[in-house]
Protein backbone atom coordinates (compact mmCIF):
# COMPACT_ATOMS: atom_id res chain seq x y z
CA UNK A 1 -16.38 2.49 -21.84
CA UNK A 2 -17.22 1.37 -25.36
CA UNK A 3 -13.54 1.18 -26.33
CA UNK A 4 -12.71 -0.77 -23.17
CA UNK A 5 -15.56 -3.21 -23.81
CA UNK A 6 -14.44 -3.75 -27.41
CA UNK A 7 -10.82 -4.31 -26.36
CA UNK A 8 -11.92 -6.77 -23.66
CA UNK A 9 -14.20 -8.60 -26.09
CA UNK A 10 -17.30 -7.81 -24.06
CA UNK A 11 -20.59 -6.19 -24.85
CA UNK A 12 -20.69 -2.66 -23.47
CA UNK A 13 -23.62 -3.52 -21.19
CA UNK A 14 -21.67 -6.49 -19.80
CA UNK A 15 -18.77 -4.21 -18.91
CA UNK A 16 -21.08 -2.20 -16.66
CA UNK A 17 -21.48 -5.34 -14.51
CA UNK A 18 -17.85 -4.78 -13.46
CA UNK A 19 -18.03 -1.05 -12.84
CA UNK A 20 -20.18 1.99 -13.42
CA UNK A 21 -17.36 3.96 -15.06
CA UNK A 22 -13.65 3.87 -15.89
CA UNK A 23 -12.65 4.91 -12.37
CA UNK A 24 -14.60 2.02 -10.87
CA UNK A 25 -12.94 -0.39 -13.31
CA UNK A 26 -9.47 0.92 -12.42
CA UNK A 27 -10.26 0.61 -8.71
CA UNK A 28 -11.42 -2.99 -9.18
CA UNK A 29 -8.29 -3.80 -11.19
CA UNK A 30 -5.99 -2.27 -8.57
CA UNK A 31 -7.77 -4.06 -5.73
CA UNK A 32 -7.49 -7.37 -7.54
CA UNK A 33 -3.81 -6.90 -8.41
CA UNK A 34 -3.04 -5.71 -4.87
CA UNK A 35 -4.82 -8.52 -3.04
CA UNK A 36 -1.69 -10.72 -2.64
CA UNK A 37 0.24 -7.80 -1.10
CA UNK A 38 -2.66 -6.96 1.21
CA UNK A 39 -2.80 -10.58 2.39
CA UNK A 40 0.98 -10.68 2.98
CA UNK A 41 0.85 -7.42 4.96
CA UNK A 42 -2.00 -8.78 7.08
CA UNK A 43 0.02 -11.94 7.80
CA UNK A 44 3.12 -9.95 8.78
CA UNK A 45 1.11 -7.52 10.93
CA UNK A 46 -0.57 -10.48 12.64
CA UNK A 47 2.72 -11.99 13.85
CA UNK A 48 2.49 -10.13 17.15
CA UNK A 49 5.27 -12.15 18.76
CA UNK A 50 7.80 -10.68 16.32
CA UNK A 51 9.36 -7.28 17.09
CA UNK A 52 7.41 -4.37 15.64
CA UNK A 53 10.45 -2.82 13.89
CA UNK A 54 11.14 -6.09 12.05
CA UNK A 55 7.50 -6.42 11.00
CA UNK A 56 7.34 -2.81 9.81
CA UNK A 57 10.52 -3.29 7.79
CA UNK A 58 9.09 -6.44 6.25
CA UNK A 59 5.83 -4.67 5.41
CA UNK A 60 7.83 -1.96 3.63
CA UNK A 61 9.44 -4.67 1.52
CA UNK A 62 6.11 -6.28 0.67
CA UNK A 63 4.61 -2.96 -0.37
CA UNK A 64 7.54 -1.77 -2.45
CA UNK A 65 7.97 -5.14 -4.16
CA UNK A 66 4.28 -5.10 -5.05
CA UNK A 67 4.67 -1.74 -6.76
CA UNK A 68 6.93 -3.29 -9.38
CA UNK A 69 3.58 -4.29 -10.93
CA UNK A 70 2.57 -1.47 -13.31
CA UNK A 71 -1.11 -2.10 -12.54
CA UNK A 72 -0.55 -0.97 -8.97
CA UNK A 73 0.94 2.28 -10.24
CA UNK A 74 -2.63 3.14 -11.28
CA UNK A 75 -3.30 3.64 -7.58
CA UNK A 76 -1.59 7.01 -7.85
CA UNK A 77 -4.26 8.35 -10.16
CA UNK A 78 -5.96 11.24 -8.35
CA UNK A 79 -9.28 9.40 -8.15
CA UNK A 80 -7.64 6.49 -6.28
CA UNK A 81 -4.69 8.11 -4.53
CA UNK A 82 -4.23 8.15 -0.81
CA UNK A 83 -4.89 5.83 2.07
CA UNK A 84 -8.06 7.64 3.11
CA UNK A 85 -11.35 5.91 3.66
CA UNK A 86 -12.45 2.40 4.38
CA UNK A 87 -12.60 0.21 1.33
CA UNK A 88 -9.88 2.00 -0.62
CA UNK A 89 -7.12 -0.06 -2.17
CA UNK A 90 -4.65 0.85 0.59
CA UNK A 91 -7.01 0.79 3.57
CA UNK A 92 -6.12 -2.71 4.77
CA UNK A 93 -2.39 -2.06 4.44
CA UNK A 94 -2.71 1.22 6.33
CA UNK A 95 -4.71 -0.54 9.05
CA UNK A 96 -2.03 -3.22 9.38
CA UNK A 97 0.74 -0.63 9.64
CA UNK A 98 -1.23 1.31 12.25
CA UNK A 99 -1.68 -1.85 14.31
CA UNK A 100 2.05 -2.61 14.19
CA UNK A 101 2.91 0.97 15.17
CA UNK A 102 0.47 0.86 18.11
CA UNK A 103 1.88 -2.49 19.27
CA UNK A 104 5.42 -1.16 18.97
CA UNK A 105 4.52 1.89 21.06
CA UNK A 106 2.82 -0.28 23.69
CA UNK A 107 5.92 -2.49 23.96
CA UNK A 108 8.37 0.42 24.03
CA UNK A 109 9.87 -0.52 20.66
CA UNK A 110 8.67 2.77 19.16
CA UNK A 111 8.33 6.17 20.76
CA UNK A 112 4.84 7.48 21.52
CA UNK A 113 4.03 9.50 18.43
CA UNK A 114 0.70 10.77 19.70
CA UNK A 115 -1.47 10.81 16.59
CA UNK A 116 -0.89 7.34 15.10
CA UNK A 117 -3.23 7.80 12.10
CA UNK A 118 -1.43 11.00 11.09
CA UNK A 119 2.01 9.41 11.49
CA UNK A 120 0.94 6.39 9.43
CA UNK A 121 -0.38 8.71 6.72
CA UNK A 122 2.94 10.58 6.72
CA UNK A 123 4.82 7.27 6.51
CA UNK A 124 2.63 6.25 3.59
CA UNK A 125 3.99 9.31 1.80
CA UNK A 126 7.49 7.87 2.17
CA UNK A 127 6.28 4.59 0.73
CA UNK A 128 4.47 6.34 -2.12
CA UNK A 129 7.67 8.19 -3.06
CA UNK A 130 9.53 4.89 -3.03
CA UNK A 131 6.84 3.18 -5.09
CA UNK A 132 6.92 5.96 -7.67
CA UNK A 133 10.70 5.62 -7.97
CA UNK A 134 10.40 1.85 -8.42
CA UNK A 135 7.70 2.43 -11.02
CA UNK A 136 10.17 4.52 -13.01
CA UNK A 137 13.15 2.23 -12.37
CA UNK A 138 12.42 -1.29 -11.07
CA UNK A 139 16.15 -1.89 -10.59
CA UNK A 140 16.08 0.78 -7.86
CA UNK A 141 14.15 -1.55 -5.54
CA UNK A 142 17.04 -2.58 -3.23
CA UNK A 143 18.36 0.96 -2.65
CA UNK A 144 14.87 2.43 -2.38
CA UNK A 145 13.76 -0.24 0.07
CA UNK A 146 16.83 0.37 2.24
CA UNK A 147 16.23 4.11 2.31
CA UNK A 148 12.50 3.74 2.96
CA UNK A 149 13.08 1.33 5.84
CA UNK A 150 15.63 3.69 7.36
CA UNK A 151 13.32 6.71 7.18
CA UNK A 152 10.31 4.80 8.52
CA UNK A 153 12.13 3.09 11.39
CA UNK A 154 14.18 6.11 12.43
CA UNK A 155 11.07 8.25 12.56
CA UNK A 156 9.59 5.86 15.13
CA UNK A 157 12.74 5.02 17.10
CA UNK A 158 12.49 5.59 20.85
């Protein structure tokens, strides 16, 4: 923490106002960098008049485009990884996806998958794989997005 404080031009004690340890600082950084994507996902998920498949495809684009930011790649650190738990960096995105999937099932646009939280967690694995690829090669975004959308939407097709 001392090195981080020095690099940031802060007193070490001041740095602790932002987080108790390095993991807390990384989490705060990821949440701040991810806020625009979270807000865009919430807006897309909230457009209930639009077909669920279109909204889910758009959400995939928002998420994968956001992962071009190297800061968001920090989310894959073991201490932050995964969509589990309220308050995590991906919680709001996962909740938005789950809502779209439930609406799509209710309207017959998606098949009844039974355990929606499990299916959404499995779909988040597809998105994580895509995000990791984009992190290694940002130019892969178009092809990766196309493949991710296909896998996600075909897995839910009626």
